[in-house]
């Protein structure tokens, strides 16, 4: 349940970052989250 909540929060954070970051920076952020988890 905590992980599902975290996934929702990730979508919110992604939405926030999408307003400020370039597409490349946003890709870097998503890759960072994915690599950190793996």
ModelCIF file with pLDDT and N, C-alpha, C, O atoms, coordinates in Angstrom:
data_MODEL
#
_entry.id   MODEL 
#
_entity.id                         1 
_entity.type                       polymer 
_entity.pdbx_number_of_molecules   1 
#
_entity_poly.entity_id                      1 
_entity_poly.type                           'polypeptide(L)' 
_entity_poly.nstd_linkage                   no 
_entity_poly.nstd_monomer                   no 
_entity_poly.pdbx_seq_one_letter_code       
;(UNK)(UNK)(UNK)(UNK)(UNK)(UNK)(UNK)(UNK)(UNK)(UNK)(UNK)(UNK)(UNK)(UNK)(UNK)(UNK)
(UNK)(UNK)(UNK)(UNK)(UNK)(UNK)(UNK)(UNK)(UNK)(UNK)(UNK)(UNK)(UNK)(UNK)(UNK)(UNK)
(UNK)(UNK)(UNK)(UNK)(UNK)(UNK)
;
_entity_poly.pdbx_seq_one_letter_code_can   XXXXXXXXXXXXXXXXXXXXXXXXXXXXXXXXXXXXXX 
_entity_poly.pdbx_strand_id                 A 
#
loop_
_entity_poly_seq.entity_id 
_entity_poly_seq.num 
_entity_poly_seq.mon_id 
_entity_poly_seq.hetero 
1 1  UNK n 
1 2  UNK n 
1 3  UNK n 
1 4  UNK n 
1 5  UNK n 
1 6  UNK n 
1 7  UNK n 
1 8  UNK n 
1 9  UNK n 
1 10 UNK n 
1 11 UNK n 
1 12 UNK n 
1 13 UNK n 
1 14 UNK n 
1 15 UNK n 
1 16 UNK n 
1 17 UNK n 
1 18 UNK n 
1 19 UNK n 
1 20 UNK n 
1 21 UNK n 
1 22 UNK n 
1 23 UNK n 
1 24 UNK n 
1 25 UNK n 
1 26 UNK n 
1 27 UNK n 
1 28 UNK n 
1 29 UNK n 
1 30 UNK n 
1 31 UNK n 
1 32 UNK n 
1 33 UNK n 
1 34 UNK n 
1 35 UNK n 
1 36 UNK n 
1 37 UNK n 
1 38 UNK n 
#
_struct_asym.id          A 
_struct_asym.entity_id   1 
#
loop_
_ma_qa_metric.id 
_ma_qa_metric.mode 
_ma_qa_metric.name 
_ma_qa_metric.software_group_id 
_ma_qa_metric.type 
1 global pLDDT . pLDDT 
2 local  pLDDT . pLDDT 
#
_ma_qa_metric_global.metric_id      1 
_ma_qa_metric_global.metric_value   95.89 
_ma_qa_metric_global.model_id       1 
_ma_qa_metric_global.ordinal_id     1 
#
loop_
_ma_qa_metric_local.label_asym_id 
_ma_qa_metric_local.label_comp_id 
_ma_qa_metric_local.label_seq_id 
_ma_qa_metric_local.metric_id 
_ma_qa_metric_local.metric_value 
_ma_qa_metric_local.model_id 
_ma_qa_metric_local.ordinal_id 
A UNK 1  2 96.00 1 1  
A UNK 2  2 95.00 1 2  
A UNK 3  2 95.00 1 3  
A UNK 4  2 96.00 1 4  
A UNK 5  2 97.00 1 5  
A UNK 6  2 96.00 1 6  
A UNK 7  2 95.00 1 7  
A UNK 8  2 96.00 1 8  
A UNK 9  2 96.00 1 9  
A UNK 10 2 96.00 1 10 
A UNK 11 2 96.00 1 11 
A UNK 12 2 96.00 1 12 
A UNK 13 2 97.00 1 13 
A UNK 14 2 96.00 1 14 
A UNK 15 2 96.00 1 15 
A UNK 16 2 97.00 1 16 
A UNK 17 2 97.00 1 17 
A UNK 18 2 97.00 1 18 
A UNK 19 2 96.00 1 19 
A UNK 20 2 96.00 1 20 
A UNK 21 2 96.00 1 21 
A UNK 22 2 96.00 1 22 
A UNK 23 2 96.00 1 23 
A UNK 24 2 95.00 1 24 
A UNK 25 2 95.00 1 25 
A UNK 26 2 96.00 1 26 
A UNK 27 2 96.00 1 27 
A UNK 28 2 95.00 1 28 
A UNK 29 2 96.00 1 29 
A UNK 30 2 96.00 1 30 
A UNK 31 2 96.00 1 31 
A UNK 32 2 97.00 1 32 
A UNK 33 2 96.00 1 33 
A UNK 34 2 96.00 1 34 
A UNK 35 2 96.00 1 35 
A UNK 36 2 95.00 1 36 
A UNK 37 2 94.00 1 37 
A UNK 38 2 95.00 1 38 
#
loop_
_atom_site.group_PDB 
_atom_site.id 
_atom_site.type_symbol 
_atom_site.label_atom_id 
_atom_site.label_alt_id 
_atom_site.label_comp_id 
_atom_site.label_asym_id 
_atom_site.label_entity_id 
_atom_site.label_seq_id 
_atom_site.pdbx_PDB_ins_code 
_atom_site.Cartn_x 
_atom_site.Cartn_y 
_atom_site.Cartn_z 
_atom_site.occupancy 
_atom_site.B_iso_or_equiv 
_atom_site.pdbx_formal_charge 
_atom_site.auth_seq_id 
_atom_site.auth_comp_id 
_atom_site.auth_asym_id 
_atom_site.auth_atom_id 
_atom_site.pdbx_PDB_model_num 
ATOM 1   N N  . UNK A 1 1  ? 0.837  -1.205 0.000   1.00 96.00 ? 1  UNK A N  1 
ATOM 2   C CA . UNK A 1 1  ? 0.000  0.000  0.000   1.00 96.00 ? 1  UNK A CA 1 
ATOM 3   C C  . UNK A 1 1  ? 0.871  1.254  0.000   1.00 96.00 ? 1  UNK A C  1 
ATOM 4   O O  . UNK A 1 1  ? 0.589  2.220  -0.708  1.00 96.00 ? 1  UNK A O  1 
ATOM 5   N N  . UNK A 1 2  ? 1.936  1.224  0.806   1.00 95.00 ? 2  UNK A N  1 
ATOM 6   C CA . UNK A 1 2  ? 2.880  2.353  0.825   1.00 95.00 ? 2  UNK A CA 1 
ATOM 7   C C  . UNK A 1 2  ? 3.499  2.558  -0.557  1.00 95.00 ? 2  UNK A C  1 
ATOM 8   O O  . UNK A 1 2  ? 3.666  3.693  -1.003  1.00 95.00 ? 2  UNK A O  1 
ATOM 9   N N  . UNK A 1 3  ? 3.835  1.467  -1.228  1.00 95.00 ? 3  UNK A N  1 
ATOM 10  C CA . UNK A 1 3  ? 4.441  1.551  -2.560  1.00 95.00 ? 3  UNK A CA 1 
ATOM 11  C C  . UNK A 1 3  ? 3.446  2.148  -3.554  1.00 95.00 ? 3  UNK A C  1 
ATOM 12  O O  . UNK A 1 3  ? 3.830  2.959  -4.397  1.00 95.00 ? 3  UNK A O  1 
ATOM 13  N N  . UNK A 1 4  ? 2.179  1.758  -3.466  1.00 96.00 ? 4  UNK A N  1 
ATOM 14  C CA . UNK A 1 4  ? 1.166  2.332  -4.357  1.00 96.00 ? 4  UNK A CA 1 
ATOM 15  C C  . UNK A 1 4  ? 1.033  3.832  -4.107  1.00 96.00 ? 4  UNK A C  1 
ATOM 16  O O  . UNK A 1 4  ? 0.925  4.616  -5.050  1.00 96.00 ? 4  UNK A O  1 
ATOM 17  N N  . UNK A 1 5  ? 1.041  4.226  -2.841  1.00 97.00 ? 5  UNK A N  1 
ATOM 18  C CA . UNK A 1 5  ? 0.996  5.642  -2.480  1.00 97.00 ? 5  UNK A CA 1 
ATOM 19  C C  . UNK A 1 5  ? 2.225  6.363  -3.034  1.00 97.00 ? 5  UNK A C  1 
ATOM 20  O O  . UNK A 1 5  ? 2.123  7.474  -3.554  1.00 97.00 ? 5  UNK A O  1 
ATOM 21  N N  . UNK A 1 6  ? 3.382  5.718  -2.917  1.00 96.00 ? 6  UNK A N  1 
ATOM 22  C CA . UNK A 1 6  ? 4.624  6.299  -3.433  1.00 96.00 ? 6  UNK A CA 1 
ATOM 23  C C  . UNK A 1 6  ? 4.557  6.467  -4.951  1.00 96.00 ? 6  UNK A C  1 
ATOM 24  O O  . UNK A 1 6  ? 5.025  7.470  -5.491  1.00 96.00 ? 6  UNK A O  1 
ATOM 25  N N  . UNK A 1 7  ? 3.979  5.490  -5.629  1.00 95.00 ? 7  UNK A N  1 
ATOM 26  C CA . UNK A 1 7  ? 3.826  5.586  -7.086  1.00 95.00 ? 7  UNK A CA 1 
ATOM 27  C C  . UNK A 1 7  ? 2.943  6.772  -7.467  1.00 95.00 ? 7  UNK A C  1 
ATOM 28  O O  . UNK A 1 7  ? 3.227  7.473  -8.438  1.00 95.00 ? 7  UNK A O  1 
ATOM 29  N N  . UNK A 1 8  ? 1.861  7.001  -6.696  1.00 96.00 ? 8  UNK A N  1 
ATOM 30  C CA . UNK A 1 8  ? 1.008  8.175  -6.950  1.00 96.00 ? 8  UNK A CA 1 
ATOM 31  C C  . UNK A 1 8  ? 1.813  9.462  -6.734  1.00 96.00 ? 8  UNK A C  1 
ATOM 32  O O  . UNK A 1 8  ? 1.725  10.398 -7.528  1.00 96.00 ? 8  UNK A O  1 
ATOM 33  N N  . UNK A 1 9  ? 2.592  9.495  -5.657  1.00 96.00 ? 9  UNK A N  1 
ATOM 34  C CA . UNK A 1 9  ? 3.411  10.680 -5.377  1.00 96.00 ? 9  UNK A CA 1 
ATOM 35  C C  . UNK A 1 9  ? 4.445  10.903 -6.479  1.00 96.00 ? 9  UNK A C  1 
ATOM 36  O O  . UNK A 1 9  ? 4.769  12.045 -6.805  1.00 96.00 ? 9  UNK A O  1 
ATOM 37  N N  . UNK A 1 10 ? 4.959  9.823  -7.047  1.00 96.00 ? 10 UNK A N  1 
ATOM 38  C CA . UNK A 1 10 ? 5.944  9.951  -8.130  1.00 96.00 ? 10 UNK A CA 1 
ATOM 39  C C  . UNK A 1 10 ? 5.301  10.624 -9.331  1.00 96.00 ? 10 UNK A C  1 
ATOM 40  O O  . UNK A 1 10 ? 5.929  11.447 -9.997  1.00 96.00 ? 10 UNK A O  1 
ATOM 41  N N  . UNK A 1 11 ? 4.054  10.276 -9.609  1.00 96.00 ? 11 UNK A N  1 
ATOM 42  C CA . UNK A 1 11 ? 3.358  10.914 -10.736 1.00 96.00 ? 11 UNK A CA 1 
ATOM 43  C C  . UNK A 1 11 ? 3.160  12.406 -10.472 1.00 96.00 ? 11 UNK A C  1 
ATOM 44  O O  . UNK A 1 11 ? 3.270  13.222 -11.388 1.00 96.00 ? 11 UNK A O  1 
ATOM 45  N N  . UNK A 1 12 ? 2.867  12.760 -9.221  1.00 96.00 ? 12 UNK A N  1 
ATOM 46  C CA . UNK A 1 12 ? 2.708  14.180 -8.865  1.00 96.00 ? 12 UNK A CA 1 
ATOM 47  C C  . UNK A 1 12 ? 4.044  14.907 -9.035  1.00 96.00 ? 12 UNK A C  1 
ATOM 48  O O  . UNK A 1 12 ? 4.102  15.984 -9.628  1.00 96.00 ? 12 UNK A O  1 
ATOM 49  N N  . UNK A 1 13 ? 5.113  14.310 -8.510  1.00 97.00 ? 13 UNK A N  1 
ATOM 50  C CA . UNK A 1 13 ? 6.445  14.925 -8.622  1.00 97.00 ? 13 UNK A CA 1 
ATOM 51  C C  . UNK A 1 13 ? 6.838  15.051 -10.089 1.00 97.00 ? 13 UNK A C  1 
ATOM 52  O O  . UNK A 1 13 ? 7.383  16.074 -10.504 1.00 97.00 ? 13 UNK A O  1 
ATOM 53  N N  . UNK A 1 14 ? 6.561  14.010 -10.871 1.00 96.00 ? 14 UNK A N  1 
ATOM 54  C CA . UNK A 1 14 ? 6.857  14.059 -12.309 1.00 96.00 ? 14 UNK A CA 1 
ATOM 55  C C  . UNK A 1 14 ? 6.119  15.217 -12.978 1.00 96.00 ? 14 UNK A C  1 
ATOM 56  O O  . UNK A 1 14 ? 6.679  15.926 -13.814 1.00 96.00 ? 14 UNK A O  1 
ATOM 57  N N  . UNK A 1 15 ? 4.869  15.393 -12.601 1.00 96.00 ? 15 UNK A N  1 
ATOM 58  C CA . UNK A 1 15 ? 4.078  16.505 -13.148 1.00 96.00 ? 15 UNK A CA 1 
ATOM 59  C C  . UNK A 1 15 ? 4.674  17.853 -12.789 1.00 96.00 ? 15 UNK A C  1 
ATOM 60  O O  . UNK A 1 15 ? 4.722  18.760 -13.620 1.00 96.00 ? 15 UNK A O  1 
ATOM 61  N N  . UNK A 1 16 ? 5.121  17.985 -11.562 1.00 97.00 ? 16 UNK A N  1 
ATOM 62  C CA . UNK A 1 16 ? 5.757  19.233 -11.120 1.00 97.00 ? 16 UNK A CA 1 
ATOM 63  C C  . UNK A 1 16 ? 7.030  19.481 -11.927 1.00 97.00 ? 16 UNK A C  1 
ATOM 64  O O  . UNK A 1 16 ? 7.246  20.572 -12.454 1.00 97.00 ? 16 UNK A O  1 
ATOM 65  N N  . UNK A 1 17 ? 7.866  18.449 -12.010 1.00 97.00 ? 17 UNK A N  1 
ATOM 66  C CA . UNK A 1 17 ? 9.148  18.607 -12.709 1.00 97.00 ? 17 UNK A CA 1 
ATOM 67  C C  . UNK A 1 17 ? 8.950  18.882 -14.200 1.00 97.00 ? 17 UNK A C  1 
ATOM 68  O O  . UNK A 1 17 ? 9.755  19.579 -14.816 1.00 97.00 ? 17 UNK A O  1 
ATOM 69  N N  . UNK A 1 18 ? 7.879  18.334 -14.777 1.00 97.00 ? 18 UNK A N  1 
ATOM 70  C CA . UNK A 1 18 ? 7.612  18.545 -16.208 1.00 97.00 ? 18 UNK A CA 1 
ATOM 71  C C  . UNK A 1 18 ? 7.402  20.026 -16.525 1.00 97.00 ? 18 UNK A C  1 
ATOM 72  O O  . UNK A 1 18 ? 7.645  20.461 -17.650 1.00 97.00 ? 18 UNK A O  1 
ATOM 73  N N  . UNK A 1 19 ? 6.949  20.805 -15.525 1.00 96.00 ? 19 UNK A N  1 
ATOM 74  C CA . UNK A 1 19 ? 6.741  22.249 -15.748 1.00 96.00 ? 19 UNK A CA 1 
ATOM 75  C C  . UNK A 1 19 ? 8.069  22.998 -15.854 1.00 96.00 ? 19 UNK A C  1 
ATOM 76  O O  . UNK A 1 19 ? 8.137  24.053 -16.486 1.00 96.00 ? 19 UNK A O  1 
ATOM 77  N N  . UNK A 1 20 ? 9.134  22.452 -15.233 1.00 96.00 ? 20 UNK A N  1 
ATOM 78  C CA . UNK A 1 20 ? 10.389 23.198 -15.116 1.00 96.00 ? 20 UNK A CA 1 
ATOM 79  C C  . UNK A 1 20 ? 11.560 22.615 -15.915 1.00 96.00 ? 20 UNK A C  1 
ATOM 80  O O  . UNK A 1 20 ? 12.435 23.355 -16.364 1.00 96.00 ? 20 UNK A O  1 
ATOM 81  N N  . UNK A 1 21 ? 11.575 21.316 -16.088 1.00 96.00 ? 21 UNK A N  1 
ATOM 82  C CA . UNK A 1 21 ? 12.746 20.673 -16.688 1.00 96.00 ? 21 UNK A CA 1 
ATOM 83  C C  . UNK A 1 21 ? 12.574 20.501 -18.190 1.00 96.00 ? 21 UNK A C  1 
ATOM 84  O O  . UNK A 1 21 ? 11.457 20.440 -18.703 1.00 96.00 ? 21 UNK A O  1 
ATOM 85  N N  . UNK A 1 22 ? 13.697 20.424 -18.878 1.00 96.00 ? 22 UNK A N  1 
ATOM 86  C CA . UNK A 1 22 ? 13.669 20.102 -20.309 1.00 96.00 ? 22 UNK A CA 1 
ATOM 87  C C  . UNK A 1 22 ? 13.297 18.629 -20.450 1.00 96.00 ? 22 UNK A C  1 
ATOM 88  O O  . UNK A 1 22 ? 13.317 17.883 -19.472 1.00 96.00 ? 22 UNK A O  1 
ATOM 89  N N  . UNK A 1 23 ? 12.960 18.220 -21.653 1.00 96.00 ? 23 UNK A N  1 
ATOM 90  C CA . UNK A 1 23 ? 12.636 16.811 -21.893 1.00 96.00 ? 23 UNK A CA 1 
ATOM 91  C C  . UNK A 1 23 ? 13.811 15.918 -21.496 1.00 96.00 ? 23 UNK A C  1 
ATOM 92  O O  . UNK A 1 23 ? 13.619 14.858 -20.899 1.00 96.00 ? 23 UNK A O  1 
ATOM 93  N N  . UNK A 1 24 ? 15.022 16.349 -21.827 1.00 95.00 ? 24 UNK A N  1 
ATOM 94  C CA . UNK A 1 24 ? 16.218 15.555 -21.486 1.00 95.00 ? 24 UNK A CA 1 
ATOM 95  C C  . UNK A 1 24 ? 16.384 15.459 -19.967 1.00 95.00 ? 24 UNK A C  1 
ATOM 96  O O  . UNK A 1 24 ? 16.681 14.385 -19.444 1.00 95.00 ? 24 UNK A O  1 
ATOM 97  N N  . UNK A 1 25 ? 16.195 16.564 -19.263 1.00 95.00 ? 25 UNK A N  1 
ATOM 98  C CA . UNK A 1 25 ? 16.317 16.553 -17.803 1.00 95.00 ? 25 UNK A CA 1 
ATOM 99  C C  . UNK A 1 25 ? 15.245 15.672 -17.171 1.00 95.00 ? 25 UNK A C  1 
ATOM 100 O O  . UNK A 1 25 ? 15.495 14.970 -16.191 1.00 95.00 ? 25 UNK A O  1 
ATOM 101 N N  . UNK A 1 26 ? 14.061 15.722 -17.743 1.00 96.00 ? 26 UNK A N  1 
ATOM 102 C CA . UNK A 1 26 ? 12.973 14.879 -17.228 1.00 96.00 ? 26 UNK A CA 1 
ATOM 103 C C  . UNK A 1 26 ? 13.281 13.404 -17.468 1.00 96.00 ? 26 UNK A C  1 
ATOM 104 O O  . UNK A 1 26 ? 13.006 12.562 -16.614 1.00 96.00 ? 26 UNK A O  1 
ATOM 105 N N  . UNK A 1 27 ? 13.845 13.097 -18.618 1.00 96.00 ? 27 UNK A N  1 
ATOM 106 C CA . UNK A 1 27 ? 14.279 11.730 -18.910 1.00 96.00 ? 27 UNK A CA 1 
ATOM 107 C C  . UNK A 1 27 ? 15.362 11.297 -17.919 1.00 96.00 ? 27 UNK A C  1 
ATOM 108 O O  . UNK A 1 27 ? 15.347 10.168 -17.429 1.00 96.00 ? 27 UNK A O  1 
ATOM 109 N N  . UNK A 1 28 ? 16.293 12.197 -17.632 1.00 95.00 ? 28 UNK A N  1 
ATOM 110 C CA . UNK A 1 28 ? 17.365 11.905 -16.665 1.00 95.00 ? 28 UNK A CA 1 
ATOM 111 C C  . UNK A 1 28 ? 16.771 11.611 -15.285 1.00 95.00 ? 28 UNK A C  1 
ATOM 112 O O  . UNK A 1 28 ? 17.221 10.698 -14.592 1.00 95.00 ? 28 UNK A O  1 
ATOM 113 N N  . UNK A 1 29 ? 15.766 12.384 -14.894 1.00 96.00 ? 29 UNK A N  1 
ATOM 114 C CA . UNK A 1 29 ? 15.105 12.158 -13.608 1.00 96.00 ? 29 UNK A CA 1 
ATOM 115 C C  . UNK A 1 29 ? 14.463 10.767 -13.576 1.00 96.00 ? 29 UNK A C  1 
ATOM 116 O O  . UNK A 1 29 ? 14.643 10.016 -12.618 1.00 96.00 ? 29 UNK A O  1 
ATOM 117 N N  . UNK A 1 30 ? 13.724 10.436 -14.621 1.00 96.00 ? 30 UNK A N  1 
ATOM 118 C CA . UNK A 1 30 ? 13.040 9.127  -14.664 1.00 96.00 ? 30 UNK A CA 1 
ATOM 119 C C  . UNK A 1 30 ? 14.047 7.985  -14.670 1.00 96.00 ? 30 UNK A C  1 
ATOM 120 O O  . UNK A 1 30 ? 13.837 6.963  -14.017 1.00 96.00 ? 30 UNK A O  1 
ATOM 121 N N  . UNK A 1 31 ? 15.136 8.159  -15.402 1.00 96.00 ? 31 UNK A N  1 
ATOM 122 C CA . UNK A 1 31 ? 16.192 7.137  -15.435 1.00 96.00 ? 31 UNK A CA 1 
ATOM 123 C C  . UNK A 1 31 ? 16.836 7.008  -14.060 1.00 96.00 ? 31 UNK A C  1 
ATOM 124 O O  . UNK A 1 31 ? 17.139 5.900  -13.617 1.00 96.00 ? 31 UNK A O  1 
ATOM 125 N N  . UNK A 1 32 ? 17.046 8.136  -13.382 1.00 97.00 ? 32 UNK A N  1 
ATOM 126 C CA . UNK A 1 32 ? 17.617 8.124  -12.036 1.00 97.00 ? 32 UNK A CA 1 
ATOM 127 C C  . UNK A 1 32 ? 16.739 7.319  -11.078 1.00 97.00 ? 32 UNK A C  1 
ATOM 128 O O  . UNK A 1 32 ? 17.243 6.481  -10.331 1.00 97.00 ? 32 UNK A O  1 
ATOM 129 N N  . UNK A 1 33 ? 15.436 7.569  -11.098 1.00 96.00 ? 33 UNK A N  1 
ATOM 130 C CA . UNK A 1 33 ? 14.506 6.855  -10.207 1.00 96.00 ? 33 UNK A CA 1 
ATOM 131 C C  . UNK A 1 33 ? 14.526 5.356  -10.516 1.00 96.00 ? 33 UNK A C  1 
ATOM 132 O O  . UNK A 1 33 ? 14.546 4.524  -9.609  1.00 96.00 ? 33 UNK A O  1 
ATOM 133 N N  . UNK A 1 34 ? 14.519 5.030  -11.806 1.00 96.00 ? 34 UNK A N  1 
ATOM 134 C CA . UNK A 1 34 ? 14.522 3.626  -12.219 1.00 96.00 ? 34 UNK A CA 1 
ATOM 135 C C  . UNK A 1 34 ? 15.822 2.931  -11.811 1.00 96.00 ? 34 UNK A C  1 
ATOM 136 O O  . UNK A 1 34 ? 15.793 1.819  -11.284 1.00 96.00 ? 34 UNK A O  1 
ATOM 137 N N  . UNK A 1 35 ? 16.956 3.581  -12.053 1.00 96.00 ? 35 UNK A N  1 
ATOM 138 C CA . UNK A 1 35 ? 18.256 2.988  -11.719 1.00 96.00 ? 35 UNK A CA 1 
ATOM 139 C C  . UNK A 1 35 ? 18.403 2.849  -10.207 1.00 96.00 ? 35 UNK A C  1 
ATOM 140 O O  . UNK A 1 35 ? 18.884 1.826  -9.718  1.00 96.00 ? 35 UNK A O  1 
ATOM 141 N N  . UNK A 1 36 ? 17.990 3.872  -9.472  1.00 95.00 ? 36 UNK A N  1 
ATOM 142 C CA . UNK A 1 36 ? 18.080 3.824  -8.001  1.00 95.00 ? 36 UNK A CA 1 
ATOM 143 C C  . UNK A 1 36 ? 17.300 2.621  -7.468  1.00 95.00 ? 36 UNK A C  1 
ATOM 144 O O  . UNK A 1 36 ? 17.786 1.891  -6.604  1.00 95.00 ? 36 UNK A O  1 
ATOM 145 N N  . UNK A 1 37 ? 16.099 2.423  -7.983  1.00 94.00 ? 37 UNK A N  1 
ATOM 146 C CA . UNK A 1 37 ? 15.266 1.295  -7.550  1.00 94.00 ? 37 UNK A CA 1 
ATOM 147 C C  . UNK A 1 37 ? 15.914 -0.034 -7.912  1.00 94.00 ? 37 UNK A C  1 
ATOM 148 O O  . UNK A 1 37 ? 15.995 -0.933 -7.075  1.00 94.00 ? 37 UNK A O  1 
ATOM 149 N N  . UNK A 1 38 ? 16.375 -0.165 -9.149  1.00 95.00 ? 38 UNK A N  1 
ATOM 150 C CA . UNK A 1 38 ? 16.955 -1.445 -9.569  1.00 95.00 ? 38 UNK A CA 1 
ATOM 151 C C  . UNK A 1 38 ? 18.256 -1.744 -8.825  1.00 95.00 ? 38 UNK A C  1 
ATOM 152 O O  . UNK A 1 38 ? 18.876 -2.782 -9.057  1.00 95.00 ? 38 UNK A O  1 
#
